[in-house]
Amino acid sequence: MSSDILFYCILGILILQFAVETLLDYLNARRFGAPLPEEVSQLYDTEAYTKSQAYKKANYRFGLWSSSFSLVLTLAFLIFGGFDWADQLAGSVSLHPLLRALVFFGILFLGSELLGMPFSYYHTFVIEERFGFNKTTPALFLADKLKGWVLAALLGGGLLTAIMSFYEWAGAGFWVYAWGLIALVTVFINLFYSRIIVPLFNRQEPLEEGPLRERIQDYARKVGFELRQIFVIDGSKRSTKANAYFSGFGNQRRVTLYDTLLKDLDEQEVVAVLAHEVGHYKRNHILINLTASVALTGLTLYVLSLFVNNPELSLALGVGQPSFHAALLSFALLYSPISELTGLVMNFFSRRFEFQADNYARDTFAADPLISSLKKLSRNHLSNLTPHPAYVFVHYSHPPLTQRIRNLRST
């Protein structure tokens, strides 16, 4: 297949993805004013419901503008030789293939981040601020960006260096070694994310002794779940929104509760949320998701190995000289429809896993405190209670609130 055909394929994929996403957003927005289901009909009073509608509309308009800007920028870069310009600039820094690749991706990453920063700033300090969610200061916003960039450079640059080294050494068989390395990194991050990454951005402290900790430990003993590490994270330094999550597995597992969660929920509700998270662990969802992610990575790398040596793949971006890094980027764009399909499958199973975790919490603890906690969190987050089914199918990793309540109330 010629580079010209591949070029137009990339253009078509980008435009089609934008059209599909825009249609889904539109369908979802059309349902903002739909009557609330009976299960959540009393969740909002008139003032809160009006506020939730305004919040959803503000995010809808913002998403439309930001996605349109991203599409126009990407198309312009493709059509007017932006990728060739970045490659030439990288070549002026170094002609060594590895250094040139690192500079090339560095230019694209930094340029994308800088151009996207005004949108991120507006969303945080205008939309989130207007609706009472934002607690981030400009200094913290900038610090988070800088730390994120450094982490991306270290992790992304390190992986790219290793993958290109494998390619130079093993040729088309590089994908096996790259897969093994990425699998190790993925497992390592899952094990030590809370110990290494989180402290760079947030303060974590052990949950203090008291009635809540005793309730949690009593429940954990009841279901045979050894839980020693319970931490509270200062999520309130950035947002009023609440969350809780498990990280790690084996003797590295820990549960992290946002301080905003402890503020929003009573003790019974916090334990119910924890029971849901324990359900994920007991049903092996963490290991299943990890295994699926590693397997999909292997499949993607294998397909990449079949095409990376084709110079037409690089030339489709408009670069003057075929290279591994240009072929890698072109492949990522062409492969994105397959990634979308695998994402649909992952989301489908993720929603089923959420139902299973809810069922576990209901069966081992109680349904009512979990339902009340979900309602409180949805109300406090101004969540969309009437999402369009197509939007849910494509984007939701968790079932809508109404479906979760119906499932929890079923026998």
Protein backbone atom coordinates (compact mmCIF):
# COMPACT_ATOMS: atom_id res chain seq x y z
CA MET A 1 0.00 0.00 0.00
CA SER A 2 1.47 3.36 -1.03
CA SER A 3 2.26 6.16 1.39
CA ASP A 4 -0.39 8.36 -0.26
CA ILE A 5 -3.12 5.81 0.44
CA LEU A 6 -1.90 5.42 4.02
CA PHE A 7 -1.87 9.21 4.38
CA TYR A 8 -5.51 9.45 3.35
CA CYS A 9 -6.34 6.50 5.61
CA ILE A 10 -4.88 8.42 8.54
CA LEU A 11 -6.88 11.53 7.60
CA GLY A 12 -10.04 9.44 7.27
CA ILE A 13 -9.50 7.74 10.63
CA LEU A 14 -8.98 11.07 12.42
CA ILE A 15 -12.06 12.66 10.86
CA LEU A 16 -14.24 9.59 11.38
CA GLN A 17 -13.22 9.30 15.04
CA PHE A 18 -14.01 12.97 15.58
CA ALA A 19 -17.39 12.60 13.86
CA VAL A 20 -18.33 9.55 15.94
CA GLU A 21 -17.25 11.21 19.20
CA THR A 22 -19.10 14.40 18.33
CA LEU A 23 -22.26 12.45 17.51
CA LEU A 24 -22.04 10.52 20.79
CA ASP A 25 -21.53 13.75 22.73
CA TYR A 26 -24.51 15.29 20.95
CA LEU A 27 -26.77 12.31 21.68
CA ASN A 28 -25.67 12.40 25.30
CA ALA A 29 -26.31 16.14 25.55
CA ARG A 30 -29.81 15.70 24.12
CA ARG A 31 -30.67 13.64 27.20
CA PHE A 32 -29.44 16.16 29.78
CA GLY A 33 -32.99 17.29 30.41
CA ALA A 34 -34.63 13.86 30.36
CA PRO A 35 -36.87 12.95 33.32
CA LEU A 36 -34.91 11.37 36.15
CA PRO A 37 -35.48 7.63 36.73
CA GLU A 38 -37.51 6.76 39.80
CA GLU A 39 -34.45 5.42 41.65
CA VAL A 40 -32.81 8.86 41.62
CA SER A 41 -35.80 11.15 41.23
CA GLN A 42 -35.26 12.66 44.71
CA LEU A 43 -31.49 12.97 44.42
CA TYR A 44 -31.50 16.66 43.46
CA ASP A 45 -33.64 19.52 44.67
CA THR A 46 -34.57 22.14 42.08
CA GLU A 47 -31.51 24.32 42.67
CA ALA A 48 -29.06 21.41 42.62
CA TYR A 49 -30.66 19.93 39.50
CA THR A 50 -30.36 23.25 37.68
CA LYS A 51 -26.71 23.41 38.72
CA SER A 52 -26.05 19.87 37.50
CA GLN A 53 -27.62 20.70 34.13
CA ALA A 54 -25.45 23.80 33.76
CA TYR A 55 -22.33 21.81 34.69
CA LYS A 56 -23.02 19.15 32.08
CA LYS A 57 -23.70 21.74 29.39
CA ALA A 58 -20.52 23.66 30.23
CA ASN A 59 -18.44 20.48 29.92
CA TYR A 60 -20.20 19.54 26.69
CA ARG A 61 -19.39 22.88 25.06
CA PHE A 62 -15.83 22.78 26.39
CA GLY A 63 -15.30 19.26 25.05
CA LEU A 64 -16.56 20.27 21.64
CA TRP A 65 -14.18 23.22 21.41
CA SER A 66 -11.15 21.34 22.72
CA SER A 67 -11.68 18.27 20.50
CA SER A 68 -12.23 20.49 17.44
CA PHE A 69 -9.01 22.36 18.17
CA SER A 70 -7.12 19.08 18.55
CA LEU A 71 -8.48 17.75 15.24
CA VAL A 72 -7.68 20.93 13.29
CA LEU A 73 -4.17 21.05 14.76
CA THR A 74 -3.46 17.39 13.92
CA LEU A 75 -4.85 17.68 10.39
CA ALA A 76 -2.82 20.85 9.79
CA PHE A 77 0.31 19.11 11.02
CA LEU A 78 -0.31 16.24 8.63
CA ILE A 79 -1.29 18.30 5.59
CA PHE A 80 1.30 21.05 5.87
CA GLY A 81 4.32 18.91 6.75
CA GLY A 82 4.47 19.48 10.49
CA PHE A 83 5.80 16.01 11.21
CA ASP A 84 8.54 16.46 8.64
CA TRP A 85 9.43 19.79 10.24
CA ALA A 86 9.68 18.13 13.67
CA ASP A 87 11.79 15.32 12.20
CA GLN A 88 14.13 17.76 10.48
CA LEU A 89 14.47 19.76 13.69
CA ALA A 90 15.26 16.56 15.60
CA GLY A 91 17.80 15.64 12.92
CA SER A 92 19.52 18.98 13.34
CA VAL A 93 20.08 18.12 16.99
CA SER A 94 21.42 14.62 16.33
CA LEU A 95 21.57 12.19 13.43
CA HIS A 96 21.82 9.22 15.77
CA PRO A 97 18.55 7.25 15.31
CA LEU A 98 17.84 6.95 19.03
CA LEU A 99 18.60 10.55 19.96
CA ARG A 100 16.71 11.77 16.91
CA ALA A 101 13.67 9.70 17.95
CA LEU A 102 13.79 11.02 21.52
CA VAL A 103 13.99 14.63 20.33
CA PHE A 104 11.24 14.05 17.74
CA PHE A 105 8.77 12.70 20.31
CA GLY A 106 9.92 15.31 22.82
CA ILE A 107 9.01 18.09 20.38
CA LEU A 108 5.59 16.60 19.68
CA PHE A 109 4.86 15.93 23.35
CA LEU A 110 5.95 19.32 24.62
CA GLY A 111 4.19 21.14 21.77
CA SER A 112 0.97 19.24 22.44
CA GLU A 113 1.16 19.93 26.16
CA LEU A 114 1.84 23.64 25.74
CA LEU A 115 -0.97 24.08 23.21
CA GLY A 116 -3.32 22.10 25.40
CA MET A 117 -2.42 23.90 28.61
CA PRO A 118 -4.84 26.84 28.09
CA PHE A 119 -7.70 24.35 27.73
CA SER A 120 -6.63 22.49 30.86
CA TYR A 121 -6.27 25.76 32.76
CA TYR A 122 -9.70 26.95 31.62
CA HIS A 123 -11.36 23.69 32.63
CA THR A 124 -9.76 23.76 36.07
CA PHE A 125 -9.96 27.44 36.95
CA VAL A 126 -13.13 28.43 35.11
CA ILE A 127 -15.50 25.46 34.81
CA GLU A 128 -14.47 23.49 37.91
CA GLU A 129 -14.09 26.72 39.87
CA ARG A 130 -17.49 28.03 38.82
CA PHE A 131 -19.23 24.91 40.10
CA GLY A 132 -17.33 24.69 43.36
CA PHE A 133 -15.05 21.73 42.64
CA ASN A 134 -11.64 23.30 42.18
CA LYS A 135 -9.21 23.59 45.07
CA THR A 136 -6.07 23.71 42.93
CA THR A 137 -3.90 26.83 43.05
CA PRO A 138 -2.08 28.10 39.94
CA ALA A 139 1.22 27.16 41.57
CA LEU A 140 0.03 23.61 42.23
CA PHE A 141 -1.40 23.37 38.70
CA LEU A 142 2.00 24.31 37.23
CA ALA A 143 3.89 22.02 39.62
CA ASP A 144 1.66 19.08 38.63
CA LYS A 145 2.31 19.80 34.95
CA LEU A 146 6.08 19.96 35.41
CA LYS A 147 6.19 16.76 37.46
CA GLY A 148 3.99 15.02 34.89
CA TRP A 149 6.29 16.09 32.08
CA VAL A 150 9.37 14.83 33.91
CA LEU A 151 7.71 11.48 34.63
CA ALA A 152 6.57 11.17 31.02
CA ALA A 153 10.07 11.96 29.79
CA LEU A 154 11.70 9.44 32.12
CA LEU A 155 9.21 6.62 31.62
CA GLY A 156 8.37 7.24 27.96
CA GLY A 157 11.93 8.06 27.00
CA GLY A 158 13.25 5.03 28.86
CA LEU A 159 10.79 2.66 27.19
CA LEU A 160 11.43 4.14 23.74
CA THR A 161 15.18 3.78 24.25
CA ALA A 162 14.78 0.14 25.25
CA ILE A 163 12.38 -0.68 22.39
CA MET A 164 14.65 0.88 19.76
CA SER A 165 17.65 -0.92 21.25
CA PHE A 166 15.76 -4.21 21.00
CA TYR A 167 14.88 -3.36 17.40
CA GLU A 168 18.52 -2.69 16.49
CA TRP A 169 19.59 -5.91 18.19
CA ALA A 170 16.81 -8.39 17.34
CA GLY A 171 15.26 -6.96 14.18
CA ALA A 172 11.63 -7.97 13.61
CA GLY A 173 11.73 -10.10 16.74
CA PHE A 174 12.15 -7.02 18.91
CA TRP A 175 8.50 -7.16 19.91
CA VAL A 176 9.02 -10.17 22.20
CA TYR A 177 11.66 -8.37 24.29
CA ALA A 178 9.71 -5.12 24.24
CA TRP A 179 6.62 -6.97 25.40
CA GLY A 180 8.51 -8.58 28.27
CA LEU A 181 9.92 -5.24 29.39
CA ILE A 182 6.59 -3.42 29.21
CA ALA A 183 4.93 -6.29 31.11
CA LEU A 184 7.53 -5.97 33.88
CA VAL A 185 7.08 -2.20 34.03
CA THR A 186 3.28 -2.59 34.13
CA VAL A 187 3.45 -5.06 37.02
CA PHE A 188 5.98 -2.90 38.85
CA ILE A 189 3.78 0.19 38.55
CA ASN A 190 0.75 -1.76 39.75
CA LEU A 191 2.71 -2.94 42.78
CA PHE A 192 4.43 0.28 43.76
CA TYR A 193 2.33 3.09 42.24
CA SER A 194 1.12 4.26 45.65
CA ARG A 195 4.62 4.09 47.14
CA ILE A 196 6.57 5.79 44.36
CA ILE A 197 4.30 7.85 42.08
CA VAL A 198 1.55 9.12 44.38
CA PRO A 199 3.92 10.74 46.95
CA LEU A 200 5.24 12.98 44.19
CA PHE A 201 1.82 14.63 43.97
CA ASN A 202 -0.03 13.93 47.22
CA ARG A 203 0.48 13.35 50.90
CA GLN A 204 -0.66 9.99 52.23
CA GLU A 205 -1.11 9.21 55.90
CA PRO A 206 -2.27 6.02 57.63
CA LEU A 207 -5.91 6.13 58.65
CA GLU A 208 -5.90 7.10 62.32
CA GLU A 209 -7.04 4.70 64.98
CA GLY A 210 -10.70 4.99 65.80
CA PRO A 211 -14.19 3.68 65.08
CA LEU A 212 -13.83 3.85 61.27
CA ARG A 213 -10.58 1.90 61.20
CA GLU A 214 -12.07 -0.68 63.57
CA ARG A 215 -15.15 -1.06 61.36
CA ILE A 216 -12.97 -1.53 58.29
CA GLN A 217 -10.74 -4.10 59.99
CA ASP A 218 -13.73 -5.96 61.42
CA TYR A 219 -15.21 -6.24 57.93
CA ALA A 220 -11.87 -7.32 56.44
CA ARG A 221 -11.52 -10.07 59.05
CA LYS A 222 -15.10 -11.19 58.43
CA VAL A 223 -14.46 -11.80 54.71
CA GLY A 224 -10.96 -13.20 55.21
CA PHE A 225 -9.19 -10.24 53.63
CA GLU A 226 -5.96 -9.26 55.35
CA LEU A 227 -5.75 -5.48 55.22
CA ARG A 228 -3.02 -3.69 57.13
CA GLN A 229 -2.36 -0.69 54.95
CA ILE A 230 -5.20 1.85 54.97
CA PHE A 231 -4.20 5.34 53.86
CA VAL A 232 -5.90 8.70 53.54
CA ILE A 233 -4.82 10.90 50.65
CA ASP A 234 -5.18 14.69 50.59
CA GLY A 235 -7.35 14.84 47.47
CA SER A 236 -8.98 18.00 48.81
CA LYS A 237 -5.88 20.01 47.84
CA ARG A 238 -7.06 19.78 44.20
CA SER A 239 -10.77 19.08 44.17
CA THR A 240 -13.85 18.50 46.31
CA LYS A 241 -14.58 15.29 44.37
CA ALA A 242 -14.13 12.05 46.29
CA ASN A 243 -12.70 8.65 45.44
CA ALA A 244 -11.20 5.45 46.84
CA TYR A 245 -9.04 2.79 45.22
CA PHE A 246 -7.02 -0.36 45.74
CA SER A 247 -3.49 -0.64 44.48
CA GLY A 248 -1.00 -3.46 44.40
CA PHE A 249 -1.61 -7.10 45.15
CA GLY A 250 -0.18 -9.75 47.42
CA ASN A 251 1.59 -8.24 50.44
CA GLN A 252 1.84 -4.89 48.60
CA ARG A 253 -1.90 -4.26 48.46
CA ARG A 254 -3.30 -1.18 50.12
CA VAL A 255 -6.51 0.79 50.13
CA THR A 256 -6.44 4.54 49.71
CA LEU A 257 -9.33 6.74 50.78
CA TYR A 258 -9.64 10.36 49.71
CA ASP A 259 -10.08 12.76 52.62
CA THR A 260 -13.07 14.16 50.71
CA LEU A 261 -14.64 10.69 50.80
CA LEU A 262 -14.38 10.61 54.58
CA LYS A 263 -15.98 14.05 54.70
CA ASP A 264 -18.89 13.17 52.38
CA LEU A 265 -19.82 9.73 53.72
CA ASP A 266 -20.63 8.28 57.11
CA GLU A 267 -18.74 5.29 58.50
CA GLN A 268 -21.19 2.66 57.25
CA GLU A 269 -21.01 4.11 53.75
CA VAL A 270 -17.22 4.20 53.77
CA VAL A 271 -17.11 0.52 54.76
CA ALA A 272 -19.61 -0.25 51.97
CA VAL A 273 -17.36 1.47 49.43
CA LEU A 274 -14.43 -0.50 50.80
CA ALA A 275 -16.47 -3.72 50.52
CA HIS A 276 -17.00 -2.92 46.84
CA GLU A 277 -13.24 -2.53 46.38
CA VAL A 278 -12.60 -5.80 48.25
CA GLY A 279 -15.07 -7.39 45.84
CA HIS A 280 -12.85 -6.42 42.93
CA TYR A 281 -9.94 -8.12 44.63
CA LYS A 282 -11.87 -11.23 45.67
CA ARG A 283 -13.25 -11.67 42.15
CA ASN A 284 -9.71 -11.33 40.70
CA HIS A 285 -10.67 -8.30 38.62
CA ILE A 286 -7.32 -6.62 39.24
CA LEU A 287 -5.35 -9.60 37.94
CA ILE A 288 -7.75 -10.11 35.01
CA ASN A 289 -7.41 -6.47 33.94
CA LEU A 290 -3.64 -6.61 34.33
CA THR A 291 -3.42 -9.82 32.29
CA ALA A 292 -5.69 -8.40 29.57
CA SER A 293 -3.64 -5.21 29.39
CA VAL A 294 -0.38 -7.13 29.03
CA ALA A 295 -1.90 -9.44 26.40
CA LEU A 296 -3.22 -6.51 24.34
CA THR A 297 0.19 -4.87 24.54
CA GLY A 298 1.79 -8.02 23.17
CA LEU A 299 -0.71 -8.19 20.32
CA THR A 300 -0.13 -4.55 19.42
CA LEU A 301 3.65 -4.94 19.43
CA TYR A 302 3.42 -8.07 17.28
CA VAL A 303 1.30 -6.28 14.67
CA LEU A 304 3.75 -3.36 14.79
CA SER A 305 6.64 -5.74 14.06
CA LEU A 306 4.90 -6.84 10.84
CA PHE A 307 4.79 -3.33 9.39
CA VAL A 308 7.50 -1.25 11.03
CA ASN A 309 10.07 -2.07 8.33
CA ASN A 310 7.78 -0.81 5.57
CA PRO A 311 9.10 2.64 4.53
CA GLU A 312 5.66 3.63 3.24
CA LEU A 313 4.45 3.67 6.84
CA SER A 314 6.91 6.44 7.72
CA LEU A 315 6.38 8.36 4.48
CA ALA A 316 2.63 8.50 5.15
CA LEU A 317 3.37 11.18 7.76
CA GLY A 318 5.08 13.32 5.15
CA VAL A 319 8.61 12.88 6.52
CA GLY A 320 11.44 12.90 4.04
CA GLN A 321 13.35 9.97 5.52
CA PRO A 322 11.84 6.66 6.71
CA SER A 323 12.65 5.86 10.33
CA PHE A 324 11.53 3.68 13.20
CA HIS A 325 10.10 6.61 15.15
CA ALA A 326 8.06 7.92 12.21
CA ALA A 327 6.75 4.42 11.49
CA LEU A 328 5.85 4.02 15.16
CA LEU A 329 3.76 7.20 15.17
CA SER A 330 2.10 6.39 11.86
CA PHE A 331 1.27 2.90 13.09
CA ALA A 332 -0.27 4.33 16.27
CA LEU A 333 -2.60 6.50 14.18
CA LEU A 334 -3.56 3.68 11.82
CA TYR A 335 -4.02 1.20 14.67
CA SER A 336 -6.28 3.50 16.69
CA PRO A 337 -9.56 2.00 15.35
CA ILE A 338 -8.46 -1.41 16.66
CA SER A 339 -7.57 0.23 19.98
CA GLU A 340 -11.07 1.71 20.06
CA LEU A 341 -12.59 -1.73 19.54
CA THR A 342 -10.50 -3.32 22.28
CA GLY A 343 -11.45 -0.38 24.50
CA LEU A 344 -15.13 -1.19 23.93
CA VAL A 345 -14.51 -4.77 25.02
CA MET A 346 -12.56 -3.67 28.08
CA ASN A 347 -15.30 -1.23 29.09
CA PHE A 348 -17.95 -3.92 28.64
CA PHE A 349 -16.17 -6.26 31.03
CA SER A 350 -15.34 -3.39 33.38
CA ARG A 351 -19.04 -2.60 33.76
CA ARG A 352 -19.75 -6.27 34.48
CA PHE A 353 -16.97 -6.28 37.06
CA GLU A 354 -18.56 -3.27 38.76
CA PHE A 355 -21.84 -5.15 39.09
CA GLN A 356 -19.97 -8.14 40.53
CA ALA A 357 -18.14 -5.95 43.05
CA ASP A 358 -21.44 -4.31 44.01
CA ASN A 359 -22.97 -7.76 44.50
CA TYR A 360 -20.07 -8.78 46.71
CA ALA A 361 -20.51 -5.68 48.87
CA ARG A 362 -24.24 -6.34 49.10
CA ASP A 363 -23.81 -10.00 50.02
CA THR A 364 -21.00 -9.54 52.54
CA PHE A 365 -22.00 -6.19 54.01
CA ALA A 366 -25.23 -4.44 52.97
CA ALA A 367 -26.87 -2.87 49.94
CA ASP A 368 -28.39 0.24 51.51
CA PRO A 369 -25.17 1.97 52.66
CA LEU A 370 -23.57 1.33 49.28
CA ILE A 371 -26.63 2.77 47.50
CA SER A 372 -26.65 5.84 49.72
CA SER A 373 -22.90 6.34 49.21
CA LEU A 374 -23.29 6.12 45.42
CA LYS A 375 -26.13 8.63 45.55
CA LYS A 376 -24.14 11.07 47.68
CA LEU A 377 -21.09 10.85 45.44
CA SER A 378 -23.19 11.30 42.29
CA ARG A 379 -24.97 14.31 43.77
CA ASN A 380 -21.76 15.90 45.03
CA HIS A 381 -20.06 15.34 41.66
CA LEU A 382 -23.09 16.63 39.70
CA SER A 383 -23.00 13.38 37.73
CA ASN A 384 -25.09 12.77 34.63
CA LEU A 385 -28.04 10.63 35.75
CA THR A 386 -29.56 10.22 32.27
CA PRO A 387 -26.69 9.27 29.94
CA HIS A 388 -27.45 8.06 26.44
CA PRO A 389 -27.07 4.24 26.10
CA ALA A 390 -24.69 4.60 23.14
CA TYR A 391 -22.48 6.96 25.12
CA VAL A 392 -22.49 4.54 28.04
CA PHE A 393 -21.58 1.64 25.76
CA VAL A 394 -18.58 3.44 24.31
CA HIS A 395 -17.23 5.47 27.23
CA TYR A 396 -18.45 4.20 30.59
CA SER A 397 -16.22 1.86 32.56
CA HIS A 398 -18.83 1.94 35.36
CA PRO A 399 -22.56 1.33 34.89
CA PRO A 400 -24.83 4.37 35.29
CA LEU A 401 -26.07 4.99 38.82
CA THR A 402 -29.64 3.87 38.09
CA GLN A 403 -28.49 0.48 36.82
CA ARG A 404 -26.26 -0.03 39.84
CA ILE A 405 -29.11 0.77 42.24
CA ARG A 406 -31.47 -1.62 40.42
CA ASN A 407 -28.85 -4.35 40.55
CA LEU A 408 -28.17 -3.80 44.25
CA ARG A 409 -31.87 -3.98 45.06
CA SER A 410 -32.36 -7.18 43.09
CA THR A 411 -32.17 -10.51 44.89
